[in-house]
Each structure stands twice: as structure tokens, then as C-alpha cells.
Amino acid sequence: MAKKYWFNTKTQQVEYGRKSLAVYRLGPFETEREAKNAEQTISERGKKLIEEDQLKDSSEDGNSRD
């Protein structure tokens, strides 16, 4: 398996390959640039998933579950 880039949440640094404990790694990413933006990318994806779930829930029964 080819080495990938990871973002270390403890050190706030990009790593090439699995150098740190999994609990501190976000990834893998194809490029160093993608890894540098890992926290922002994951946050945006999470918000999008929440919005999609809310739309799905409200369209299934016509009511919001909040």
C-alpha cells in the first residue's frame, strides 16, 4: 500500500505515512495540501451530513425531530 498523508491533531502537523497513534490521525489524504486542511474538510463534511439527515428526517414524516 502506498504511503499517504495524515494530519496529526495533537501536533497540528502533516505526517507522511502512519507515524503517530491512530487516535491523533485524520486521513489518509492523497496530498499534503489536503492533509493540512483536514480539520476544515471534516467539519464541512460533518455539517453537510447533519443537514442531509435533517432534511431526510423531516421529509419522511413531515415533522422535525428537534
PDB file of N, CA and C in Angstrom:
ATOM      1  N   MET A   1       0.835  -1.184   0.000  1.00  0.00           N
ATOM      2  CA  MET A   1       0.000   0.000   0.000  1.00  0.00           C
ATOM      3  C   MET A   1       0.881   1.249   0.000  1.00  0.00           C
ATOM      4  N   ALA A   2       0.593   2.179  -0.854  1.00  0.00           N
ATOM      5  CA  ALA A   2       1.375   3.405  -0.953  1.00  0.00           C
ATOM      6  C   ALA A   2       1.157   4.275   0.284  1.00  0.00           C
ATOM      7  N   LYS A   3       2.197   4.976   0.683  1.00  0.00           N
ATOM      8  CA  LYS A   3       2.081   5.873   1.829  1.00  0.00           C
ATOM      9  C   LYS A   3       1.176   7.042   1.480  1.00  0.00           C
ATOM     10  N   LYS A   4       0.467   7.501   2.477  1.00  0.00           N
ATOM     11  CA  LYS A   4      -0.448   8.627   2.332  1.00  0.00           C
ATOM     12  C   LYS A   4      -0.086   9.696   3.351  1.00  0.00           C
ATOM     13  N   TYR A   5      -0.752  10.841   3.221  1.00  0.00           N
ATOM     14  CA  TYR A   5      -0.562  11.942   4.161  1.00  0.00           C
ATOM     15  C   TYR A   5      -1.646  11.882   5.233  1.00  0.00           C
ATOM     16  N   TRP A   6      -1.270  12.252   6.443  1.00  0.00           N
ATOM     17  CA  TRP A   6      -2.169  12.264   7.590  1.00  0.00           C
ATOM     18  C   TRP A   6      -2.011  13.584   8.314  1.00  0.00           C
ATOM     19  N   PHE A   7      -3.057  14.013   9.007  1.00  0.00           N
ATOM     20  CA  PHE A   7      -2.966  15.202   9.845  1.00  0.00           C
ATOM     21  C   PHE A   7      -2.997  14.751  11.294  1.00  0.00           C
ATOM     22  N   ASN A   8      -2.004  15.173  12.054  1.00  0.00           N
ATOM     23  CA  ASN A   8      -1.895  14.823  13.462  1.00  0.00           C
ATOM     24  C   ASN A   8      -2.579  15.919  14.277  1.00  0.00           C
ATOM     25  N   THR A   9      -3.674  15.568  14.955  1.00  0.00           N
ATOM     26  CA  THR A   9      -4.443  16.554  15.712  1.00  0.00           C
ATOM     27  C   THR A   9      -3.736  16.990  16.994  1.00  0.00           C
ATOM     28  N   LYS A  10      -2.816  16.192  17.491  1.00  0.00           N
ATOM     29  CA  LYS A  10      -2.077  16.547  18.707  1.00  0.00           C
ATOM     30  C   LYS A  10      -0.984  17.566  18.402  1.00  0.00           C
ATOM     31  N   THR A  11      -0.228  17.328  17.340  1.00  0.00           N
ATOM     32  CA  THR A  11       0.883  18.221  16.997  1.00  0.00           C
ATOM     33  C   THR A  11       0.486  19.302  15.997  1.00  0.00           C
ATOM     34  N   GLN A  12      -0.700  19.132  15.374  1.00  0.00           N
ATOM     35  CA  GLN A  12      -1.180  20.048  14.340  1.00  0.00           C
ATOM     36  C   GLN A  12      -0.236  20.078  13.129  1.00  0.00           C
ATOM     37  N   GLN A  13       0.374  18.923  12.842  1.00  0.00           N
ATOM     38  CA  GLN A  13       1.315  18.808  11.737  1.00  0.00           C
ATOM     39  C   GLN A  13       0.871  17.723  10.766  1.00  0.00           C
ATOM     40  N   VAL A  14       1.285  17.879   9.508  1.00  0.00           N
ATOM     41  CA  VAL A  14       1.052  16.856   8.489  1.00  0.00           C
ATOM     42  C   VAL A  14       2.162  15.817   8.601  1.00  0.00           C
ATOM     43  N   GLU A  15       1.778  14.559   8.477  1.00  0.00           N
ATOM     44  CA  GLU A  15       2.744  13.463   8.519  1.00  0.00           C
ATOM     45  C   GLU A  15       2.633  12.651   7.242  1.00  0.00           C
ATOM     46  N   TYR A  16       3.741  12.118   6.800  1.00  0.00           N
ATOM     47  CA  TYR A  16       3.759  11.247   5.632  1.00  0.00           C
ATOM     48  C   TYR A  16       3.904   9.825   6.134  1.00  0.00           C
ATOM     49  N   GLY A  17       2.860   9.044   5.956  1.00  0.00           N
ATOM     50  CA  GLY A  17       2.843   7.685   6.499  1.00  0.00           C
ATOM     51  C   GLY A  17       2.264   7.690   7.901  1.00  0.00           C
ATOM     52  N   ARG A  18       2.066   6.496   8.426  1.00  0.00           N
ATOM     53  CA  ARG A  18       1.464   6.334   9.756  1.00  0.00           C
ATOM     54  C   ARG A  18       2.542   6.433  10.826  1.00  0.00           C
ATOM     55  N   LYS A  19       2.836   7.650  11.262  1.00  0.00           N
ATOM     56  CA  LYS A  19       3.900   7.855  12.233  1.00  0.00           C
ATOM     57  C   LYS A  19       3.389   7.986  13.654  1.00  0.00           C
ATOM     58  N   SER A  20       2.156   8.426  13.828  1.00  0.00           N
ATOM     59  CA  SER A  20       1.625   8.653  15.167  1.00  0.00           C
ATOM     60  C   SER A  20       0.493   7.674  15.460  1.00  0.00           C
ATOM     61  N   LEU A  21       0.040   7.706  16.698  1.00  0.00           N
ATOM     62  CA  LEU A  21      -1.071   6.846  17.104  1.00  0.00           C
ATOM     63  C   LEU A  21      -2.328   7.190  16.313  1.00  0.00           C
ATOM     64  N   ALA A  22      -3.135   6.194  16.017  1.00  0.00           N
ATOM     65  CA  ALA A  22      -4.343   6.373  15.217  1.00  0.00           C
ATOM     66  C   ALA A  22      -5.297   7.380  15.839  1.00  0.00           C
ATOM     67  N   VAL A  23      -5.339   7.456  17.153  1.00  0.00           N
ATOM     68  CA  VAL A  23      -6.258   8.367  17.835  1.00  0.00           C
ATOM     69  C   VAL A  23      -5.964   9.832  17.486  1.00  0.00           C
ATOM     70  N   TYR A  24      -4.753  10.140  17.055  1.00  0.00           N
ATOM     71  CA  TYR A  24      -4.368  11.502  16.717  1.00  0.00           C
ATOM     72  C   TYR A  24      -4.357  11.780  15.211  1.00  0.00           C
ATOM     73  N   ARG A  25      -4.628  10.775  14.395  1.00  0.00           N
ATOM     74  CA  ARG A  25      -4.509  10.933  12.937  1.00  0.00           C
ATOM     75  C   ARG A  25      -5.850  11.142  12.262  1.00  0.00           C
ATOM     76  N   LEU A  26      -5.883  12.096  11.333  1.00  0.00           N
ATOM     77  CA  LEU A  26      -7.004  12.262  10.417  1.00  0.00           C
ATOM     78  C   LEU A  26      -6.490  11.922   9.036  1.00  0.00           C
ATOM     79  N   GLY A  27      -7.243  11.124   8.305  1.00  0.00           N
ATOM     80  CA  GLY A  27      -6.810  10.776   6.966  1.00  0.00           C
ATOM     81  C   GLY A  27      -7.152   9.344   6.646  1.00  0.00           C
ATOM     82  N   PRO A  28      -6.603   8.844   5.614  1.00  0.00           N
ATOM     83  CA  PRO A  28      -5.480   9.350   4.820  1.00  0.00           C
ATOM     84  C   PRO A  28      -5.924  10.321   3.730  1.00  0.00           C
ATOM     85  N   PHE A  29      -4.968  11.093   3.271  1.00  0.00           N
ATOM     86  CA  PHE A  29      -5.158  12.046   2.184  1.00  0.00           C
ATOM     87  C   PHE A  29      -4.110  11.805   1.111  1.00  0.00           C
ATOM     88  N   GLU A  30      -4.464  12.131  -0.104  1.00  0.00           N
ATOM     89  CA  GLU A  30      -3.557  11.924  -1.234  1.00  0.00           C
ATOM     90  C   GLU A  30      -2.423  12.943  -1.276  1.00  0.00           C
ATOM     91  N   THR A  31      -2.707  14.177  -0.834  1.00  0.00           N
ATOM     92  CA  THR A  31      -1.697  15.232  -0.924  1.00  0.00           C
ATOM     93  C   THR A  31      -1.474  15.887   0.438  1.00  0.00           C
ATOM     94  N   GLU A  32      -0.343  16.549   0.560  1.00  0.00           N
ATOM     95  CA  GLU A  32      -0.023  17.279   1.783  1.00  0.00           C
ATOM     96  C   GLU A  32      -1.015  18.418   1.992  1.00  0.00           C
ATOM     97  N   ARG A  33      -1.402  19.067   0.921  1.00  0.00           N
ATOM     98  CA  ARG A  33      -2.360  20.180   0.999  1.00  0.00           C
ATOM     99  C   ARG A  33      -3.699  19.705   1.561  1.00  0.00           C
ATOM    100  N   GLU A  34      -4.186  18.564   1.089  1.00  0.00           N
ATOM    101  CA  GLU A  34      -5.443  18.010   1.611  1.00  0.00           C
ATOM    102  C   GLU A  34      -5.317  17.721   3.101  1.00  0.00           C
ATOM    103  N   ALA A  35      -4.193  17.170   3.504  1.00  0.00           N
ATOM    104  CA  ALA A  35      -3.984  16.851   4.916  1.00  0.00           C
ATOM    105  C   ALA A  35      -3.938  18.111   5.771  1.00  0.00           C
ATOM    106  N   LYS A  36      -3.324  19.180   5.261  1.00  0.00           N
ATOM    107  CA  LYS A  36      -3.268  20.446   6.003  1.00  0.00           C
ATOM    108  C   LYS A  36      -4.656  20.997   6.285  1.00  0.00           C
ATOM    109  N   ASN A  37      -5.597  20.735   5.387  1.00  0.00           N
ATOM    110  CA  ASN A  37      -6.957  21.237   5.524  1.00  0.00           C
ATOM    111  C   ASN A  37      -7.904  20.205   6.123  1.00  0.00           C
ATOM    112  N   ALA A  38      -7.373  19.172   6.747  1.00  0.00           N
ATOM    113  CA  ALA A  38      -8.174  18.049   7.230  1.00  0.00           C
ATOM    114  C   ALA A  38      -9.278  18.468   8.186  1.00  0.00           C
ATOM    115  N   GLU A  39      -8.961  19.285   9.168  1.00  0.00           N
ATOM    116  CA  GLU A  39      -9.973  19.655  10.160  1.00  0.00           C
ATOM    117  C   GLU A  39     -11.121  20.432   9.522  1.00  0.00           C
ATOM    118  N   GLN A  40     -10.793  21.347   8.636  1.00  0.00           N
ATOM    119  CA  GLN A  40     -11.831  22.122   7.951  1.00  0.00           C
ATOM    120  C   GLN A  40     -12.671  21.210   7.049  1.00  0.00           C
ATOM    121  N   THR A  41     -12.023  20.333   6.301  1.00  0.00           N
ATOM    122  CA  THR A  41     -12.723  19.415   5.400  1.00  0.00           C
ATOM    123  C   THR A  41     -13.683  18.522   6.171  1.00  0.00           C
ATOM    124  N   ILE A  42     -13.215  17.967   7.272  1.00  0.00           N
ATOM    125  CA  ILE A  42     -14.046  17.069   8.063  1.00  0.00           C
ATOM    126  C   ILE A  42     -15.204  17.822   8.701  1.00  0.00           C
ATOM    127  N   SER A  43     -14.960  19.031   9.164  1.00  0.00           N
ATOM    128  CA  SER A  43     -16.026  19.852   9.728  1.00  0.00           C
ATOM    129  C   SER A  43     -17.109  20.142   8.690  1.00  0.00           C
ATOM    130  N   GLU A  44     -16.692  20.527   7.486  1.00  0.00           N
ATOM    131  CA  GLU A  44     -17.648  20.819   6.419  1.00  0.00           C
ATOM    132  C   GLU A  44     -18.450  19.577   6.027  1.00  0.00           C
ATOM    133  N   ARG A  45     -17.782  18.435   5.941  1.00  0.00           N
ATOM    134  CA  ARG A  45     -18.481  17.189   5.611  1.00  0.00           C
ATOM    135  C   ARG A  45     -19.485  16.819   6.694  1.00  0.00           C
ATOM    136  N   GLY A  46     -19.104  17.018   7.950  1.00  0.00           N
ATOM    137  CA  GLY A  46     -19.999  16.721   9.065  1.00  0.00           C
ATOM    138  C   GLY A  46     -21.244  17.590   9.041  1.00  0.00           C
ATOM    139  N   LYS A  47     -21.053  18.883   8.789  1.00  0.00           N
ATOM    140  CA  LYS A  47     -22.198  19.802   8.706  1.00  0.00           C
ATOM    141  C   LYS A  47     -23.127  19.399   7.566  1.00  0.00           C
ATOM    142  N   LYS A  48     -22.543  19.015   6.449  1.00  0.00           N
ATOM    143  CA  LYS A  48     -23.339  18.605   5.296  1.00  0.00           C
ATOM    144  C   LYS A  48     -24.147  17.343   5.620  1.00  0.00           C
ATOM    145  N   LEU A  49     -23.528  16.385   6.286  1.00  0.00           N
ATOM    146  CA  LEU A  49     -24.233  15.158   6.658  1.00  0.00           C
ATOM    147  C   LEU A  49     -25.381  15.442   7.630  1.00  0.00           C
ATOM    148  N   ILE A  50     -25.155  16.330   8.587  1.00  0.00           N
ATOM    149  CA  ILE A  50     -26.208  16.696   9.530  1.00  0.00           C
ATOM    150  C   ILE A  50     -27.381  17.335   8.792  1.00  0.00           C
ATOM    151  N   GLU A  51     -27.075  18.256   7.870  1.00  0.00           N
ATOM    152  CA  GLU A  51     -28.129  18.898   7.092  1.00  0.00           C
ATOM    153  C   GLU A  51     -28.908  17.878   6.268  1.00  0.00           C
ATOM    154  N   GLU A  52     -28.206  16.952   5.648  1.00  0.00           N
ATOM    155  CA  GLU A  52     -28.867  15.920   4.841  1.00  0.00           C
ATOM    156  C   GLU A  52     -29.748  15.029   5.711  1.00  0.00           C
ATOM    157  N   ASP A  53     -29.258  14.668   6.898  1.00  0.00           N
ATOM    158  CA  ASP A  53     -30.057  13.850   7.811  1.00  0.00           C
ATOM    159  C   ASP A  53     -31.311  14.586   8.268  1.00  0.00           C
ATOM    160  N   GLN A  54     -31.169  15.879   8.560  1.00  0.00           N
ATOM    161  CA  GLN A  54     -32.321  16.667   8.990  1.00  0.00           C
ATOM    162  C   GLN A  54     -33.352  16.773   7.878  1.00  0.00           C
ATOM    163  N   LEU A  55     -32.892  16.975   6.652  1.00  0.00           N
ATOM    164  CA  LEU A  55     -33.818  17.045   5.521  1.00  0.00           C
ATOM    165  C   LEU A  55     -34.514  15.706   5.319  1.00  0.00           C
ATOM    166  N   LYS A  56     -33.759  14.625   5.435  1.00  0.00           N
ATOM    167  CA  LYS A  56     -34.326  13.288   5.270  1.00  0.00           C
ATOM    168  C   LYS A  56     -35.366  13.006   6.345  1.00  0.00           C
ATOM    169  N   ASP A  57     -35.014  13.317   7.604  1.00  0.00           N
ATOM    170  CA  ASP A  57     -35.940  13.073   8.711  1.00  0.00           C
ATOM    171  C   ASP A  57     -37.229  13.873   8.560  1.00  0.00           C
ATOM    172  N   SER A  58     -37.120  15.134   8.168  1.00  0.00           N
ATOM    173  CA  SER A  58     -38.318  15.960   8.055  1.00  0.00           C
ATOM    174  C   SER A  58     -39.150  15.588   6.833  1.00  0.00           C
ATOM    175  N   SER A  59     -38.531  15.074   5.798  1.00  0.00           N
ATOM    176  CA  SER A  59     -39.289  14.695   4.604  1.00  0.00           C
ATOM    177  C   SER A  59     -39.966  13.330   4.765  1.00  0.00           C
ATOM    178  N   GLU A  60     -39.453  12.493   5.669  1.00  0.00           N
ATOM    179  CA  GLU A  60     -40.027  11.172   5.870  1.00  0.00           C
ATOM    180  C   GLU A  60     -41.396  11.242   6.545  1.00  0.00           C
ATOM    181  N   ASP A  61     -41.537  12.129   7.543  1.00  0.00           N
ATOM    182  CA  ASP A  61     -42.816  12.178   8.242  1.00  0.00           C
ATOM    183  C   ASP A  61     -43.396  13.587   8.318  1.00  0.00           C
ATOM    184  N   GLY A  62     -42.727  14.526   7.700  1.00  0.00           N
ATOM    185  CA  GLY A  62     -43.235  15.897   7.698  1.00  0.00           C
ATOM    186  C   GLY A  62     -42.984  16.656   8.967  1.00  0.00           C
ATOM    187  N   ASN A  63     -42.303  16.051   9.926  1.00  0.00           N
ATOM    188  CA  ASN A  63     -42.016  16.704  11.195  1.00  0.00           C
ATOM    189  C   ASN A  63     -40.521  16.722  11.452  1.00  0.00           C
ATOM    190  N   SER A  64     -40.082  17.775  12.097  1.00  0.00           N
ATOM    191  CA  SER A  64     -38.690  17.849  12.524  1.00  0.00           C
ATOM    192  C   SER A  64     -38.548  17.079  13.832  1.00  0.00           C
ATOM    193  N   ARG A  65     -37.421  16.435  14.042  1.00  0.00           N
ATOM    194  CA  ARG A  65     -37.215  15.651  15.261  1.00  0.00           C
ATOM    195  C   ARG A  65     -36.470  16.429  16.319  1.00  0.00           C
ATOM    196  N   ASP A  66     -36.243  17.703  16.105  1.00  0.00           N
ATOM    197  CA  ASP A  66     -35.501  18.501  17.085  1.00  0.00           C
ATOM    198  C   ASP A  66     -36.335  18.878  18.263  1.00  0.00           C
TER     199      ASP A  66
END
